[in-house]
Amino acid sequence: MVYLQESENDLSIDNNPVSFSEAMNDDNSDKWLDAMKDELKSMAQNCVWDLVELLEGCKRVGCKWVFKTKRDSHGNIKRYNARLVAKSFTQKDDIDYKETFSPVFKKDSFRISRHW
């Protein structure tokens, strides 16, 4: 039988904030705020969204911040990471039920094909 011993380098135990208000009340709030600014800057540079008028009868998709402490192989904090993600929503039958929406994009899964 193998017994696992807790150590100070246990990477599974991080007290990451679960909300914006919790991040702002955290001892490292300045680092979380910098991480959020970096995320918004990256989104603007990559043209992640277009600002459009919401059509009548349509609901907007909300968003929330997800916070994660990134660590190196020794368990030391490498950086603070914040991601702005879309919240889920309910699709309506006969309107958008057969369409698939994905709030997350990975650059590894994106491929551009050139046809000359």
Protein backbone atom coordinates (compact mmCIF):
# COMPACT_ATOMS: atom_id res chain seq x y z
CA MET A 1 0.00 0.00 0.00
CA VAL A 2 1.30 3.47 -0.91
CA TYR A 3 0.63 6.43 1.34
CA LEU A 4 0.77 9.91 -0.10
CA GLN A 5 2.19 12.61 2.10
CA GLU A 6 1.07 16.24 1.88
CA SER A 7 3.86 18.65 1.19
CA GLU A 8 4.27 22.37 0.75
CA ASN A 9 4.73 21.76 -2.99
CA ASP A 10 1.37 20.02 -3.41
CA LEU A 11 0.14 21.60 -6.64
CA SER A 12 -3.46 20.51 -6.19
CA ILE A 13 -4.07 22.91 -3.31
CA ASP A 14 -4.47 26.46 -4.55
CA ASN A 15 -6.82 28.95 -3.03
CA ASN A 16 -7.73 30.64 -6.29
CA PRO A 17 -10.55 33.20 -6.16
CA VAL A 18 -13.87 32.01 -7.53
CA SER A 19 -15.33 35.45 -8.28
CA PHE A 20 -14.26 38.96 -9.21
CA SER A 21 -15.10 40.32 -5.75
CA GLU A 22 -13.11 37.53 -4.09
CA ALA A 23 -10.11 38.33 -6.31
CA MET A 24 -10.33 42.03 -5.42
CA ASN A 25 -10.42 41.18 -1.69
CA ASP A 26 -7.48 38.76 -1.99
CA ASP A 27 -4.02 39.63 -0.64
CA ASN A 28 -2.77 39.41 -4.24
CA SER A 29 -5.52 41.58 -5.72
CA ASP A 30 -3.00 43.72 -7.62
CA LYS A 31 -1.65 40.61 -9.36
CA TRP A 32 -5.15 39.37 -10.22
CA LEU A 33 -6.06 42.81 -11.58
CA ASP A 34 -2.91 42.82 -13.76
CA ALA A 35 -3.86 39.35 -15.04
CA MET A 36 -7.35 40.59 -15.95
CA LYS A 37 -5.90 43.61 -17.76
CA ASP A 38 -3.58 41.30 -19.71
CA GLU A 39 -6.54 39.11 -20.72
CA LEU A 40 -8.59 42.09 -21.93
CA LYS A 41 -5.58 43.49 -23.81
CA SER A 42 -5.02 40.11 -25.49
CA MET A 43 -8.69 39.87 -26.46
CA ALA A 44 -8.61 43.36 -27.98
CA GLN A 45 -5.39 42.66 -29.93
CA ASN A 46 -6.81 39.39 -31.30
CA CYS A 47 -10.19 40.91 -32.23
CA VAL A 48 -12.02 38.29 -30.18
CA TRP A 49 -15.39 40.01 -30.38
CA ASP A 50 -17.40 42.55 -32.35
CA LEU A 51 -19.62 45.02 -30.55
CA VAL A 52 -23.10 44.74 -32.08
CA GLU A 53 -26.64 45.80 -31.22
CA LEU A 54 -28.63 43.09 -29.45
CA LEU A 55 -31.61 42.06 -31.56
CA GLU A 56 -35.05 42.33 -29.99
CA GLY A 57 -36.07 39.12 -28.26
CA CYS A 58 -32.50 37.87 -27.94
CA LYS A 59 -30.74 37.35 -24.65
CA ARG A 60 -27.13 38.32 -24.14
CA VAL A 61 -24.68 35.71 -22.97
CA GLY A 62 -23.11 36.69 -19.66
CA CYS A 63 -19.50 36.23 -18.74
CA LYS A 64 -17.41 35.59 -15.67
CA TRP A 65 -13.76 35.59 -14.63
CA VAL A 66 -11.90 32.35 -13.96
CA PHE A 67 -8.71 32.68 -11.91
CA LYS A 68 -5.82 30.22 -11.84
CA THR A 69 -2.40 30.32 -10.22
CA LYS A 70 0.24 28.90 -12.57
CA ARG A 71 3.20 27.17 -10.90
CA ASP A 72 6.60 25.95 -12.08
CA SER A 73 7.88 22.39 -11.64
CA HIS A 74 9.08 23.21 -8.10
CA GLY A 75 5.67 24.47 -6.98
CA ASN A 76 6.65 28.14 -6.96
CA ILE A 77 4.09 30.61 -8.27
CA LYS A 78 5.05 31.43 -11.85
CA ARG A 79 2.19 33.79 -12.70
CA TYR A 80 -1.41 34.69 -12.04
CA ASN A 81 -3.82 33.88 -14.85
CA ALA A 82 -7.31 35.29 -15.43
CA ARG A 83 -9.65 34.23 -18.22
CA LEU A 84 -12.91 35.86 -19.22
CA VAL A 85 -15.32 33.09 -20.21
CA ALA A 86 -18.88 33.02 -21.48
CA LYS A 87 -21.57 31.61 -19.21
CA SER A 88 -23.84 28.91 -20.56
CA PHE A 89 -27.29 29.71 -21.84
CA THR A 90 -30.40 27.82 -22.84
CA GLN A 91 -31.10 27.24 -26.52
CA LYS A 92 -34.66 27.34 -27.85
CA ASP A 93 -36.18 24.58 -29.94
CA ASP A 94 -36.85 25.62 -33.57
CA ILE A 95 -34.68 28.75 -33.17
CA ASP A 96 -31.11 27.77 -32.35
CA TYR A 97 -31.49 24.26 -30.93
CA LYS A 98 -29.58 22.52 -33.74
CA GLU A 99 -26.68 25.00 -33.69
CA THR A 100 -23.60 24.41 -31.57
CA PHE A 101 -21.98 27.26 -29.71
CA SER A 102 -18.58 27.05 -28.07
CA PRO A 103 -17.46 29.80 -25.67
CA VAL A 104 -13.85 28.59 -25.70
CA PHE A 105 -11.28 28.68 -28.51
CA LYS A 106 -7.94 26.89 -28.54
CA LYS A 107 -5.38 28.09 -31.04
CA ASP A 108 -4.15 24.48 -31.40
CA SER A 109 -7.50 23.45 -32.87
CA PHE A 110 -7.62 26.26 -35.43
CA ARG A 111 -6.32 25.63 -38.94
CA ILE A 112 -6.31 27.94 -41.93
CA SER A 113 -6.51 26.43 -45.37
CA ARG A 114 -5.24 28.37 -48.39
CA HIS A 115 -6.85 27.83 -51.75
CA TRP A 116 -5.04 29.68 -54.56
